Full PDB file with SEQRES, HELIX, SHEET, SSBOND, CRYST1, ORIGX, SCALE, CONECT and MASTER records, all heavy atoms in Angstrom:
SEQRES   1 A   41  ASP ILE GLY PHE THR LEU ARG SER ASN GLN GLY GLY TYR          
SEQRES   2 A   41  LEU TYR VAL VAL LEU LEU SER SER ASP ARG LYS SER PHE          
SEQRES   3 A   41  TYR VAL LEU PHE PRO ASN GLY LEU ASP ALA ASP ASN ARG          
SEQRES   4 A   41  ILE PRO                                                      
SHEET    1 AA1 2 VAL A  16  LEU A  19  0                                        
SHEET    2 AA1 2 PHE A  26  PHE A  30 -1                                        
CRYST1    1.000    1.000    1.000  90.00  90.00  90.00 P 1           1          
ORIGX1      1.000000  0.000000  0.000000        0.00000                         
ORIGX2      0.000000  1.000000  0.000000        0.00000                         
ORIGX3      0.000000  0.000000  1.000000        0.00000                         
SCALE1      1.000000  0.000000  0.000000        0.00000                         
SCALE2      0.000000  1.000000  0.000000        0.00000                         
SCALE3      0.000000  0.000000  1.000000        0.00000                         
ATOM      1  N   ASP A   1    -148.698  62.112 -57.068  1.00  0.00           N  
ATOM      2  CA  ASP A   1    -148.430  62.882 -55.896  1.00  0.00           C  
ATOM      3  C   ASP A   1    -149.004  64.316 -56.132  1.00  0.00           C  
ATOM      4  O   ASP A   1    -149.029  64.742 -57.306  1.00  0.00           O  
ATOM      5  CB  ASP A   1    -146.904  63.011 -55.586  1.00  0.00           C  
ATOM      6  CG  ASP A   1    -146.384  61.716 -54.998  1.00  0.00           C  
ATOM      7  OD1 ASP A   1    -147.143  60.961 -54.445  1.00  0.00           O  
ATOM      8  OD2 ASP A   1    -145.141  61.539 -55.062  1.00  0.00           O  
ATOM      9  N   ILE A   2    -149.449  64.881 -55.111  1.00  0.00           N  
ATOM     10  CA  ILE A   2    -150.047  66.226 -55.183  1.00  0.00           C  
ATOM     11  C   ILE A   2    -149.073  67.283 -54.727  1.00  0.00           C  
ATOM     12  O   ILE A   2    -148.350  67.034 -53.734  1.00  0.00           O  
ATOM     13  CB  ILE A   2    -151.346  66.296 -54.346  1.00  0.00           C  
ATOM     14  CG1 ILE A   2    -152.307  65.200 -54.801  1.00  0.00           C  
ATOM     15  CG2 ILE A   2    -151.984  67.675 -54.331  1.00  0.00           C  
ATOM     16  CD1 ILE A   2    -153.404  64.956 -53.809  1.00  0.00           C  
ATOM     17  N   GLY A   3    -148.989  68.409 -55.421  1.00  0.00           N  
ATOM     18  CA  GLY A   3    -148.056  69.467 -55.018  1.00  0.00           C  
ATOM     19  C   GLY A   3    -148.534  70.859 -55.451  1.00  0.00           C  
ATOM     20  O   GLY A   3    -149.351  70.996 -56.367  1.00  0.00           O  
ATOM     21  N   PHE A   4    -148.006  71.865 -54.740  1.00  0.00           N  
ATOM     22  CA  PHE A   4    -148.464  73.228 -54.938  1.00  0.00           C  
ATOM     23  C   PHE A   4    -147.326  74.198 -54.806  1.00  0.00           C  
ATOM     24  O   PHE A   4    -146.386  73.919 -54.084  1.00  0.00           O  
ATOM     25  CB  PHE A   4    -149.499  73.619 -53.894  1.00  0.00           C  
ATOM     26  CG  PHE A   4    -150.616  72.664 -53.804  1.00  0.00           C  
ATOM     27  CD1 PHE A   4    -150.652  71.644 -52.876  1.00  0.00           C  
ATOM     28  CD2 PHE A   4    -151.710  72.729 -54.692  1.00  0.00           C  
ATOM     29  CE1 PHE A   4    -151.670  70.745 -52.788  1.00  0.00           C  
ATOM     30  CE2 PHE A   4    -152.751  71.858 -54.641  1.00  0.00           C  
ATOM     31  CZ  PHE A   4    -152.700  70.843 -53.707  1.00  0.00           C  
ATOM     32  N   THR A   5    -147.430  75.317 -55.499  1.00  0.00           N  
ATOM     33  CA  THR A   5    -146.513  76.420 -55.257  1.00  0.00           C  
ATOM     34  C   THR A   5    -147.375  77.600 -54.764  1.00  0.00           C  
ATOM     35  O   THR A   5    -148.470  77.870 -55.352  1.00  0.00           O  
ATOM     36  CB  THR A   5    -145.852  76.857 -56.577  1.00  0.00           C  
ATOM     37  OG1 THR A   5    -145.158  75.698 -57.093  1.00  0.00           O  
ATOM     38  CG2 THR A   5    -144.859  77.965 -56.412  1.00  0.00           C  
ATOM     39  N   LEU A   6    -146.989  78.246 -53.678  1.00  0.00           N  
ATOM     40  CA  LEU A   6    -147.786  79.276 -53.063  1.00  0.00           C  
ATOM     41  C   LEU A   6    -146.888  80.503 -52.886  1.00  0.00           C  
ATOM     42  O   LEU A   6    -145.718  80.481 -52.661  1.00  0.00           O  
ATOM     43  CB  LEU A   6    -148.250  78.826 -51.710  1.00  0.00           C  
ATOM     44  CG  LEU A   6    -148.954  77.518 -51.661  1.00  0.00           C  
ATOM     45  CD1 LEU A   6    -148.093  76.451 -51.103  1.00  0.00           C  
ATOM     46  CD2 LEU A   6    -150.232  77.629 -50.817  1.00  0.00           C  
ATOM     47  N   ARG A   7    -147.593  81.665 -52.907  1.00  0.00           N  
ATOM     48  CA  ARG A   7    -146.926  82.920 -52.583  1.00  0.00           C  
ATOM     49  C   ARG A   7    -147.992  83.876 -52.000  1.00  0.00           C  
ATOM     50  O   ARG A   7    -149.017  84.118 -52.549  1.00  0.00           O  
ATOM     51  CB  ARG A   7    -146.367  83.558 -53.867  1.00  0.00           C  
ATOM     52  CG  ARG A   7    -145.508  84.801 -53.668  1.00  0.00           C  
ATOM     53  CD  ARG A   7    -144.950  85.243 -55.014  1.00  0.00           C  
ATOM     54  NE  ARG A   7    -144.085  86.386 -54.850  1.00  0.00           N  
ATOM     55  CZ  ARG A   7    -142.777  86.323 -54.681  1.00  0.00           C  
ATOM     56  NH1 ARG A   7    -142.201  85.141 -54.662  1.00  0.00           N  
ATOM     57  NH2 ARG A   7    -142.091  87.432 -54.500  1.00  0.00           N  
ATOM     58  N   SER A   8    -147.613  84.434 -50.862  1.00  0.00           N  
ATOM     59  CA  SER A   8    -148.532  85.326 -50.126  1.00  0.00           C  
ATOM     60  C   SER A   8    -147.850  86.730 -49.988  1.00  0.00           C  
ATOM     61  O   SER A   8    -146.653  86.827 -49.820  1.00  0.00           O  
ATOM     62  CB  SER A   8    -148.766  84.784 -48.688  1.00  0.00           C  
ATOM     63  OG  SER A   8    -149.484  85.713 -47.912  1.00  0.00           O  
ATOM     64  N   ASN A   9    -148.682  87.758 -50.180  1.00  0.00           N  
ATOM     65  CA  ASN A   9    -148.140  89.071 -50.065  1.00  0.00           C  
ATOM     66  C   ASN A   9    -147.919  89.479 -48.624  1.00  0.00           C  
ATOM     67  O   ASN A   9    -147.337  90.522 -48.329  1.00  0.00           O  
ATOM     68  CB  ASN A   9    -148.946  90.127 -50.824  1.00  0.00           C  
ATOM     69  CG  ASN A   9    -150.307  90.318 -50.191  1.00  0.00           C  
ATOM     70  OD1 ASN A   9    -150.833  89.532 -49.453  1.00  0.00           O  
ATOM     71  ND2 ASN A   9    -150.896  91.519 -50.436  1.00  0.00           N  
ATOM     72  N   GLN A  10    -148.419  88.700 -47.697  1.00  0.00           N  
ATOM     73  CA  GLN A  10    -148.268  88.947 -46.257  1.00  0.00           C  
ATOM     74  C   GLN A  10    -147.686  87.664 -45.606  1.00  0.00           C  
ATOM     75  O   GLN A  10    -148.146  86.583 -45.988  1.00  0.00           O  
ATOM     76  CB  GLN A  10    -149.536  89.366 -45.582  1.00  0.00           C  
ATOM     77  CG  GLN A  10    -150.051  90.659 -46.076  1.00  0.00           C  
ATOM     78  CD  GLN A  10    -151.326  91.104 -45.373  1.00  0.00           C  
ATOM     79  OE1 GLN A  10    -151.690  90.526 -44.346  1.00  0.00           O  
ATOM     80  NE2 GLN A  10    -151.990  92.093 -45.896  1.00  0.00           N  
ATOM     81  N   GLY A  11    -146.841  87.829 -44.629  1.00  0.00           N  
ATOM     82  CA  GLY A  11    -146.319  86.685 -43.895  1.00  0.00           C  
ATOM     83  C   GLY A  11    -147.399  86.192 -42.915  1.00  0.00           C  
ATOM     84  O   GLY A  11    -148.346  86.894 -42.647  1.00  0.00           O  
ATOM     85  N   GLY A  12    -147.209  84.951 -42.466  1.00  0.00           N  
ATOM     86  CA  GLY A  12    -148.126  84.430 -41.473  1.00  0.00           C  
ATOM     87  C   GLY A  12    -147.958  82.917 -41.329  1.00  0.00           C  
ATOM     88  O   GLY A  12    -146.881  82.388 -41.622  1.00  0.00           O  
ATOM     89  N   TYR A  13    -149.034  82.209 -41.013  1.00  0.00           N  
ATOM     90  CA  TYR A  13    -149.004  80.797 -40.813  1.00  0.00           C  
ATOM     91  C   TYR A  13    -149.981  80.192 -41.856  1.00  0.00           C  
ATOM     92  O   TYR A  13    -151.130  80.561 -41.973  1.00  0.00           O  
ATOM     93  CB  TYR A  13    -149.494  80.479 -39.424  1.00  0.00           C  
ATOM     94  CG  TYR A  13    -148.518  80.986 -38.387  1.00  0.00           C  
ATOM     95  CD1 TYR A  13    -148.626  82.324 -37.857  1.00  0.00           C  
ATOM     96  CD2 TYR A  13    -147.414  80.214 -37.977  1.00  0.00           C  
ATOM     97  CE1 TYR A  13    -147.731  82.736 -36.934  1.00  0.00           C  
ATOM     98  CE2 TYR A  13    -146.510  80.668 -37.058  1.00  0.00           C  
ATOM     99  CZ  TYR A  13    -146.653  81.962 -36.551  1.00  0.00           C  
ATOM    100  OH  TYR A  13    -145.716  82.411 -35.676  1.00  0.00           O  
ATOM    101  N   LEU A  14    -149.409  79.273 -42.610  1.00  0.00           N  
ATOM    102  CA  LEU A  14    -150.173  78.617 -43.692  1.00  0.00           C  
ATOM    103  C   LEU A  14    -150.879  77.346 -43.224  1.00  0.00           C  
ATOM    104  O   LEU A  14    -150.280  76.508 -42.555  1.00  0.00           O  
ATOM    105  CB  LEU A  14    -149.204  78.266 -44.845  1.00  0.00           C  
ATOM    106  CG  LEU A  14    -149.806  77.525 -46.036  1.00  0.00           C  
ATOM    107  CD1 LEU A  14    -150.882  78.284 -46.747  1.00  0.00           C  
ATOM    108  CD2 LEU A  14    -148.703  77.019 -46.956  1.00  0.00           C  
ATOM    109  N   TYR A  15    -152.166  77.214 -43.593  1.00  0.00           N  
ATOM    110  CA  TYR A  15    -152.921  76.034 -43.311  1.00  0.00           C  
ATOM    111  C   TYR A  15    -153.504  75.517 -44.633  1.00  0.00           C  
ATOM    112  O   TYR A  15    -154.003  76.338 -45.411  1.00  0.00           O  
ATOM    113  CB  TYR A  15    -154.060  76.359 -42.322  1.00  0.00           C  
ATOM    114  CG  TYR A  15    -153.525  76.771 -40.973  1.00  0.00           C  
ATOM    115  CD1 TYR A  15    -153.297  78.119 -40.759  1.00  0.00           C  
ATOM    116  CD2 TYR A  15    -153.231  75.837 -39.982  1.00  0.00           C  
ATOM    117  CE1 TYR A  15    -152.767  78.499 -39.560  1.00  0.00           C  
ATOM    118  CE2 TYR A  15    -152.728  76.265 -38.777  1.00  0.00           C  
ATOM    119  CZ  TYR A  15    -152.492  77.601 -38.548  1.00  0.00           C  
ATOM    120  OH  TYR A  15    -151.997  78.025 -37.335  1.00  0.00           O  
ATOM    121  N   VAL A  16    -153.452  74.195 -44.835  1.00  0.00           N  
ATOM    122  CA  VAL A  16    -154.026  73.597 -46.066  1.00  0.00           C  
ATOM    123  C   VAL A  16    -155.023  72.521 -45.573  1.00  0.00           C  
ATOM    124  O   VAL A  16    -154.596  71.586 -44.908  1.00  0.00           O  
ATOM    125  CB  VAL A  16    -152.975  73.009 -46.975  1.00  0.00           C  
ATOM    126  CG1 VAL A  16    -153.712  72.436 -48.237  1.00  0.00           C  
ATOM    127  CG2 VAL A  16    -151.911  74.056 -47.394  1.00  0.00           C  
ATOM    128  N   VAL A  17    -156.286  72.663 -45.948  1.00  0.00           N  
ATOM    129  CA  VAL A  17    -157.313  71.712 -45.482  1.00  0.00           C  
ATOM    130  C   VAL A  17    -157.964  71.118 -46.723  1.00  0.00           C  
ATOM    131  O   VAL A  17    -158.297  71.884 -47.695  1.00  0.00           O  
ATOM    132  CB  VAL A  17    -158.387  72.409 -44.601  1.00  0.00           C  
ATOM    133  CG1 VAL A  17    -159.467  71.441 -44.178  1.00  0.00           C  
ATOM    134  CG2 VAL A  17    -157.738  73.079 -43.435  1.00  0.00           C  
ATOM    135  N   LEU A  18    -158.182  69.841 -46.760  1.00  0.00           N  
ATOM    136  CA  LEU A  18    -158.806  69.115 -47.880  1.00  0.00           C  
ATOM    137  C   LEU A  18    -160.191  68.636 -47.491  1.00  0.00           C  
ATOM    138  O   LEU A  18    -160.378  68.049 -46.347  1.00  0.00           O  
ATOM    139  CB  LEU A  18    -157.967  67.950 -48.265  1.00  0.00           C  
ATOM    140  CG  LEU A  18    -158.509  67.084 -49.402  1.00  0.00           C  
ATOM    141  CD1 LEU A  18    -157.434  66.731 -50.388  1.00  0.00           C  
ATOM    142  CD2 LEU A  18    -159.117  65.798 -48.898  1.00  0.00           C  
ATOM    143  N   LEU A  19    -161.218  68.902 -48.338  1.00  0.00           N  
ATOM    144  CA  LEU A  19    -162.546  68.275 -48.208  1.00  0.00           C  
ATOM    145  C   LEU A  19    -162.563  67.164 -49.191  1.00  0.00           C  
ATOM    146  O   LEU A  19    -162.427  67.389 -50.402  1.00  0.00           O  
ATOM    147  CB  LEU A  19    -163.641  69.312 -48.451  1.00  0.00           C  
ATOM    148  CG  LEU A  19    -165.084  68.728 -48.557  1.00  0.00           C  
ATOM    149  CD1 LEU A  19    -165.470  68.047 -47.319  1.00  0.00           C  
ATOM    150  CD2 LEU A  19    -165.998  69.818 -48.970  1.00  0.00           C  
ATOM    151  N   SER A  20    -162.701  65.961 -48.700  1.00  0.00           N  
ATOM    152  CA  SER A  20    -162.663  64.781 -49.565  1.00  0.00           C  
ATOM    153  C   SER A  20    -163.881  64.688 -50.496  1.00  0.00           C  
ATOM    154  O   SER A  20    -164.933  65.315 -50.220  1.00  0.00           O  
ATOM    155  CB  SER A  20    -162.625  63.549 -48.678  1.00  0.00           C  
ATOM    156  OG  SER A  20    -162.655  62.370 -49.497  1.00  0.00           O  
ATOM    157  N   SER A  21    -163.698  63.957 -51.518  1.00  0.00           N  
ATOM    158  CA  SER A  21    -164.807  63.797 -52.512  1.00  0.00           C  
ATOM    159  C   SER A  21    -166.059  63.162 -51.905  1.00  0.00           C  
ATOM    160  O   SER A  21    -167.116  63.278 -52.503  1.00  0.00           O  
ATOM    161  CB  SER A  21    -164.286  62.964 -53.709  1.00  0.00           C  
ATOM    162  OG  SER A  21    -163.789  61.730 -53.297  1.00  0.00           O  
ATOM    163  N   ASP A  22    -165.921  62.513 -50.749  1.00  0.00           N  
ATOM    164  CA  ASP A  22    -167.112  61.965 -50.074  1.00  0.00           C  
ATOM    165  C   ASP A  22    -167.974  63.089 -49.405  1.00  0.00           C  
ATOM    166  O   ASP A  22    -169.050  62.804 -48.940  1.00  0.00           O  
ATOM    167  CB  ASP A  22    -166.761  60.831 -49.100  1.00  0.00           C  
ATOM    168  CG  ASP A  22    -166.014  61.357 -47.904  1.00  0.00           C  
ATOM    169  OD1 ASP A  22    -165.837  62.572 -47.666  1.00  0.00           O  
ATOM    170  OD2 ASP A  22    -165.573  60.466 -47.115  1.00  0.00           O  
ATOM    171  N   ARG A  23    -167.448  64.288 -49.385  1.00  0.00           N  
ATOM    172  CA  ARG A  23    -168.113  65.473 -48.768  1.00  0.00           C  
ATOM    173  C   ARG A  23    -168.414  65.297 -47.292  1.00  0.00           C  
ATOM    174  O   ARG A  23    -169.199  66.028 -46.719  1.00  0.00           O  
ATOM    175  CB  ARG A  23    -169.392  65.831 -49.518  1.00  0.00           C  
ATOM    176  CG  ARG A  23    -169.259  66.130 -50.953  1.00  0.00           C  
ATOM    177  CD  ARG A  23    -168.381  67.381 -51.128  1.00  0.00           C  
ATOM    178  NE  ARG A  23    -168.161  67.659 -52.569  1.00  0.00           N  
ATOM    179  CZ  ARG A  23    -167.009  67.343 -53.156  1.00  0.00           C  
ATOM    180  NH1 ARG A  23    -166.037  66.761 -52.567  1.00  0.00           N  
ATOM    181  NH2 ARG A  23    -166.859  67.632 -54.466  1.00  0.00           N  
ATOM    182  N   LYS A  24    -167.707  64.387 -46.621  1.00  0.00           N  
ATOM    183  CA  LYS A  24    -167.861  64.155 -45.201  1.00  0.00           C  
ATOM    184  C   LYS A  24    -166.573  64.275 -44.440  1.00  0.00           C  
ATOM    185  O   LYS A  24    -166.555  64.585 -43.258  1.00  0.00           O  
ATOM    186  CB  LYS A  24    -168.421  62.765 -44.949  1.00  0.00           C  
ATOM    187  CG  LYS A  24    -169.849  62.528 -45.547  1.00  0.00           C  
ATOM    188  CD  LYS A  24    -170.269  61.142 -45.320  1.00  0.00           C  
ATOM    189  CE  LYS A  24    -171.594  60.864 -46.044  1.00  0.00           C  
ATOM    190  NZ  LYS A  24    -172.003  59.511 -45.946  1.00  0.00           N  
ATOM    191  N   SER A  25    -165.442  64.049 -45.123  1.00  0.00           N  
ATOM    192  CA  SER A  25    -164.186  64.027 -44.446  1.00  0.00           C  
ATOM    193  C   SER A  25    -163.313  65.201 -44.787  1.00  0.00           C  
ATOM    194  O   SER A  25    -163.117  65.640 -45.908  1.00  0.00           O  
ATOM    195  CB  SER A  25    -163.415  62.739 -44.946  1.00  0.00           C  
ATOM    196  OG  SER A  25    -164.176  61.597 -44.747  1.00  0.00           O  
ATOM    197  N   PHE A  26    -162.742  65.830 -43.667  1.00  0.00           N  
ATOM    198  CA  PHE A  26    -161.869  66.914 -43.767  1.00  0.00           C  
ATOM    199  C   PHE A  26    -160.469  66.472 -43.303  1.00  0.00           C  
ATOM    200  O   PHE A  26    -160.403  65.718 -42.300  1.00  0.00           O  
ATOM    201  CB  PHE A  26    -162.274  68.098 -42.852  1.00  0.00           C  
ATOM    202  CG  PHE A  26    -163.441  68.886 -43.355  1.00  0.00           C  
ATOM    203  CD1 PHE A  26    -164.725  68.490 -43.046  1.00  0.00           C  
ATOM    204  CD2 PHE A  26    -163.242  69.989 -44.156  1.00  0.00           C  
ATOM    205  CE1 PHE A  26    -165.829  69.251 -43.470  1.00  0.00           C  
ATOM    206  CE2 PHE A  26    -164.301  70.695 -44.593  1.00  0.00           C  
ATOM    207  CZ  PHE A  26    -165.582  70.334 -44.279  1.00  0.00           C  
ATOM    208  N   TYR A  27    -159.407  66.860 -43.937  1.00  0.00           N  
ATOM    209  CA  TYR A  27    -158.037  66.494 -43.550  1.00  0.00           C  
ATOM    210  C   TYR A  27    -157.217  67.765 -43.563  1.00  0.00           C  
ATOM    211  O   TYR A  27    -157.212  68.533 -44.519  1.00  0.00           O  
ATOM    212  CB  TYR A  27    -157.510  65.478 -44.524  1.00  0.00           C  
ATOM    213  CG  TYR A  27    -158.221  64.221 -44.575  1.00  0.00           C  
ATOM    214  CD1 TYR A  27    -159.202  64.044 -45.629  1.00  0.00           C  
ATOM    215  CD2 TYR A  27    -158.093  63.215 -43.669  1.00  0.00           C  
ATOM    216  CE1 TYR A  27    -159.890  62.910 -45.716  1.00  0.00           C  
ATOM    217  CE2 TYR A  27    -158.834  62.005 -43.758  1.00  0.00           C  
ATOM    218  CZ  TYR A  27    -159.752  61.880 -44.783  1.00  0.00           C  
ATOM    219  OH  TYR A  27    -160.531  60.732 -44.864  1.00  0.00           O  
ATOM    220  N   VAL A  28    -156.444  67.980 -42.497  1.00  0.00           N  
ATOM    221  CA  VAL A  28    -155.480  69.051 -42.455  1.00  0.00           C  
ATOM    222  C   VAL A  28    -154.182  68.443 -43.098  1.00  0.00           C  
ATOM    223  O   VAL A  28    -153.543  67.621 -42.517  1.00  0.00           O  
ATOM    224  CB  VAL A  28    -155.210  69.569 -41.058  1.00  0.00           C  
ATOM    225  CG1 VAL A  28    -154.098  70.621 -41.019  1.00  0.00           C  
ATOM    226  CG2 VAL A  28    -156.452  70.099 -40.435  1.00  0.00           C  
ATOM    227  N   LEU A  29    -153.887  68.975 -44.297  1.00  0.00           N  
ATOM    228  CA  LEU A  29    -152.668  68.426 -44.996  1.00  0.00           C  
ATOM    229  C   LEU A  29    -151.418  69.133 -44.515  1.00  0.00           C  
ATOM    230  O   LEU A  29    -150.356  68.567 -44.528  1.00  0.00           O  
ATOM    231  CB  LEU A  29    -152.819  68.696 -46.529  1.00  0.00           C  
ATOM    232  CG  LEU A  29    -154.024  68.020 -47.179  1.00  0.00           C  
ATOM    233  CD1 LEU A  29    -154.026  68.264 -48.671  1.00  0.00           C  
ATOM    234  CD2 LEU A  29    -153.960  66.483 -46.908  1.00  0.00           C  
ATOM    235  N   PHE A  30    -151.571  70.383 -44.088  1.00  0.00           N  
ATOM    236  CA  PHE A  30    -150.433  71.176 -43.638  1.00  0.00           C  
ATOM    237  C   PHE A  30    -150.877  72.246 -42.647  1.00  0.00           C  
ATOM    238  O   PHE A  30    -151.853  72.917 -42.971  1.00  0.00           O  
ATOM    239  CB  PHE A  30    -149.738  71.830 -44.812  1.00  0.00           C  
ATOM    240  CG  PHE A  30    -148.437  72.551 -44.439  1.00  0.00           C  
ATOM    241  CD1 PHE A  30    -147.337  71.828 -44.146  1.00  0.00           C  
ATOM    242  CD2 PHE A  30    -148.423  73.911 -44.464  1.00  0.00           C  
ATOM    243  CE1 PHE A  30    -146.139  72.462 -43.832  1.00  0.00           C  
ATOM    244  CE2 PHE A  30    -147.239  74.545 -44.162  1.00  0.00           C  
ATOM    245  CZ  PHE A  30    -146.090  73.872 -43.848  1.00  0.00           C  
ATOM    246  N   PRO A  31    -150.238  72.336 -41.470  1.00  0.00           N  
ATOM    247  CA  PRO A  31    -149.098  71.595 -40.999  1.00  0.00           C  
ATOM    248  C   PRO A  31    -149.518  70.159 -40.667  1.00  0.00           C  
ATOM    249  O   PRO A  31    -150.689  69.833 -40.531  1.00  0.00           O  
ATOM    250  CB  PRO A  31    -148.660  72.365 -39.751  1.00  0.00           C  
ATOM    251  CG  PRO A  31    -149.924  73.010 -39.276  1.00  0.00           C  
ATOM    252  CD  PRO A  31    -150.700  73.324 -40.476  1.00  0.00           C  
ATOM    253  N   ASN A  32    -148.525  69.340 -40.493  1.00  0.00           N  
ATOM    254  CA  ASN A  32    -148.780  67.917 -40.205  1.00  0.00           C  
ATOM    255  C   ASN A  32    -147.701  67.317 -39.281  1.00  0.00           C  
ATOM    256  O   ASN A  32    -146.762  68.089 -38.851  1.00  0.00           O  
ATOM    257  CB  ASN A  32    -148.876  67.118 -41.516  1.00  0.00           C  
ATOM    258  CG  ASN A  32    -147.630  67.271 -42.330  1.00  0.00           C  
ATOM    259  OD1 ASN A  32    -146.491  67.061 -41.868  1.00  0.00           O  
ATOM    260  ND2 ASN A  32    -147.778  67.669 -43.666  1.00  0.00           N  
ATOM    261  N   GLY A  33    -147.801  66.056 -38.944  1.00  0.00           N  
ATOM    262  CA  GLY A  33    -146.861  65.406 -38.066  1.00  0.00           C  
ATOM    263  C   GLY A  33    -145.453  65.380 -38.569  1.00  0.00           C  
ATOM    264  O   GLY A  33    -144.495  65.254 -37.819  1.00  0.00           O  
ATOM    265  N   LEU A  34    -145.283  65.439 -39.888  1.00  0.00           N  
ATOM    266  CA  LEU A  34    -143.959  65.417 -40.519  1.00  0.00           C  
ATOM    267  C   LEU A  34    -143.363  66.779 -40.675  1.00  0.00           C  
ATOM    268  O   LEU A  34    -142.176  66.974 -40.802  1.00  0.00           O  
ATOM    269  CB  LEU A  34    -143.979  64.720 -41.891  1.00  0.00           C  
ATOM    270  CG  LEU A  34    -144.478  63.313 -41.863  1.00  0.00           C  
ATOM    271  CD1 LEU A  34    -144.595  62.774 -43.290  1.00  0.00           C  
ATOM    272  CD2 LEU A  34    -143.435  62.445 -41.085  1.00  0.00           C  
ATOM    273  N   ASP A  35    -144.215  67.801 -40.667  1.00  0.00           N  
ATOM    274  CA  ASP A  35    -143.767  69.220 -40.926  1.00  0.00           C  
ATOM    275  C   ASP A  35    -144.709  70.144 -40.195  1.00  0.00           C  
ATOM    276  O   ASP A  35    -145.738  70.536 -40.719  1.00  0.00           O  
ATOM    277  CB  ASP A  35    -143.753  69.485 -42.421  1.00  0.00           C  
ATOM    278  CG  ASP A  35    -143.060  70.800 -42.762  1.00  0.00           C  
ATOM    279  OD1 ASP A  35    -142.688  71.574 -41.824  1.00  0.00           O  
ATOM    280  OD2 ASP A  35    -142.867  71.079 -43.964  1.00  0.00           O  
ATOM    281  N   ALA A  36    -144.319  70.540 -39.017  1.00  0.00           N  
ATOM    282  CA  ALA A  36    -145.167  71.417 -38.180  1.00  0.00           C  
ATOM    283  C   ALA A  36    -144.887  72.875 -38.377  1.00  0.00           C  
ATOM    284  O   ALA A  36    -145.579  73.718 -37.892  1.00  0.00           O  
ATOM    285  CB  ALA A  36    -145.016  71.051 -36.695  1.00  0.00           C  
ATOM    286  N   ASP A  37    -143.774  73.194 -39.120  1.00  0.00           N  
ATOM    287  CA  ASP A  37    -143.381  74.631 -39.296  1.00  0.00           C  
ATOM    288  C   ASP A  37    -144.119  75.213 -40.454  1.00  0.00           C  
ATOM    289  O   ASP A  37    -143.718  75.117 -41.591  1.00  0.00           O  
ATOM    290  CB  ASP A  37    -141.852  74.673 -39.553  1.00  0.00           C  
ATOM    291  CG  ASP A  37    -141.371  76.104 -39.679  1.00  0.00           C  
ATOM    292  OD1 ASP A  37    -142.122  77.073 -39.397  1.00  0.00           O  
ATOM    293  OD2 ASP A  37    -140.211  76.272 -40.114  1.00  0.00           O  
ATOM    294  N   ASN A  38    -145.227  75.855 -40.169  1.00  0.00           N  
ATOM    295  CA  ASN A  38    -146.120  76.380 -41.167  1.00  0.00           C  
ATOM    296  C   ASN A  38    -145.989  77.865 -41.377  1.00  0.00           C  
ATOM    297  O   ASN A  38    -146.759  78.574 -42.011  1.00  0.00           O  
ATOM    298  CB  ASN A  38    -147.591  76.001 -40.905  1.00  0.00           C  
ATOM    299  CG  ASN A  38    -148.147  76.580 -39.654  1.00  0.00           C  
ATOM    300  OD1 ASN A  38    -147.439  76.763 -38.643  1.00  0.00           O  
ATOM    301  ND2 ASN A  38    -149.411  76.831 -39.607  1.00  0.00           N  
ATOM    302  N   ARG A  39    -144.959  78.494 -40.734  1.00  0.00           N  
ATOM    303  CA  ARG A  39    -144.753  79.922 -40.888  1.00  0.00           C  
ATOM    304  C   ARG A  39    -144.198  80.189 -42.294  1.00  0.00           C  
ATOM    305  O   ARG A  39    -143.306  79.497 -42.770  1.00  0.00           O  
ATOM    306  CB  ARG A  39    -143.751  80.418 -39.848  1.00  0.00           C  
ATOM    307  CG  ARG A  39    -143.395  81.885 -40.010  1.00  0.00           C  
ATOM    308  CD  ARG A  39    -143.796  82.636 -38.729  1.00  0.00           C  
ATOM    309  NE  ARG A  39    -143.414  84.025 -38.818  1.00  0.00           N  
ATOM    310  CZ  ARG A  39    -144.258  84.992 -39.094  1.00  0.00           C  
ATOM    311  NH1 ARG A  39    -145.552  84.721 -39.337  1.00  0.00           N  
ATOM    312  NH2 ARG A  39    -143.869  86.232 -39.168  1.00  0.00           N  
ATOM    313  N   ILE A  40    -144.782  81.162 -42.974  1.00  0.00           N  
ATOM    314  CA  ILE A  40    -144.278  81.551 -44.299  1.00  0.00           C  
ATOM    315  C   ILE A  40    -144.052  83.070 -44.326  1.00  0.00           C  
ATOM    316  O   ILE A  40    -144.800  83.859 -43.768  1.00  0.00           O  
ATOM    317  CB  ILE A  40    -145.241  81.168 -45.431  1.00  0.00           C  
ATOM    318  CG1 ILE A  40    -146.580  81.860 -45.369  1.00  0.00           C  
ATOM    319  CG2 ILE A  40    -145.451  79.645 -45.468  1.00  0.00           C  
ATOM    320  CD1 ILE A  40    -147.440  81.715 -46.560  1.00  0.00           C  
ATOM    321  N   PRO A  41    -142.925  83.495 -44.938  1.00  0.00           N  
ATOM    322  CA  PRO A  41    -142.598  84.903 -45.077  1.00  0.00           C  
ATOM    323  C   PRO A  41    -143.412  85.516 -46.213  1.00  0.00           C  
ATOM    324  O   PRO A  41    -143.828  84.850 -47.158  1.00  0.00           O  
ATOM    325  CB  PRO A  41    -141.132  84.904 -45.315  1.00  0.00           C  
ATOM    326  CG  PRO A  41    -140.776  83.566 -45.855  1.00  0.00           C  
ATOM    327  CD  PRO A  41    -141.838  82.646 -45.379  1.00  0.00           C  
TER     328      PRO A  41                                                      
MASTER        0    0    0    0    2    0    0    6  327    1    0    4          
END                                                                             
Protein backbone atom coordinates (compact mmCIF):
# COMPACT_ATOMS: atom_id res chain seq x y z
CA ASP A 1 0.00 0.00 0.00
CA ILE A 2 1.15 3.52 -0.77
CA GLY A 3 1.02 6.27 1.85
CA PHE A 4 2.22 9.80 2.50
CA THR A 5 2.56 12.38 5.23
CA LEU A 6 2.12 15.97 4.11
CA ARG A 7 2.42 19.40 5.68
CA SER A 8 1.74 22.74 3.99
CA ASN A 9 2.63 26.14 5.39
CA GLN A 10 -0.56 27.49 3.78
CA GLY A 11 -4.07 26.11 3.92
CA GLY A 12 -5.96 25.20 0.78
CA TYR A 13 -7.12 22.26 -1.28
CA LEU A 14 -4.84 19.28 -1.80
CA TYR A 15 -4.67 17.38 -5.08
CA VAL A 16 -2.57 14.27 -5.71
CA VAL A 17 -2.07 13.15 -9.33
CA LEU A 18 -0.17 10.07 -10.48
CA LEU A 19 1.55 9.64 -13.85
CA SER A 20 1.74 5.89 -14.44
CA SER A 21 4.91 4.12 -15.44
CA ASP A 22 3.42 3.67 -18.94
CA ARG A 23 3.78 7.50 -19.33
CA LYS A 24 0.28 7.65 -20.85
CA SER A 25 -2.08 7.32 -17.90
CA PHE A 26 -2.88 10.01 -15.32
CA TYR A 27 -4.89 9.25 -12.20
CA VAL A 28 -6.26 11.65 -9.61
CA LEU A 29 -5.58 9.81 -6.36
CA PHE A 30 -6.97 12.53 -4.12
CA PRO A 31 -9.67 13.77 -3.86
CA ASN A 32 -11.55 10.67 -4.90
CA GLY A 33 -14.96 8.99 -4.73
CA LEU A 34 -14.24 7.68 -1.23
CA ASP A 35 -12.86 10.95 0.14
CA ALA A 36 -13.88 14.19 -1.51
CA ASP A 37 -12.84 16.47 1.38
CA ASN A 38 -9.46 17.71 0.18
CA ARG A 39 -9.30 20.89 2.29
CA ILE A 40 -6.17 21.02 4.44
CA PRO A 41 -5.32 23.57 7.12
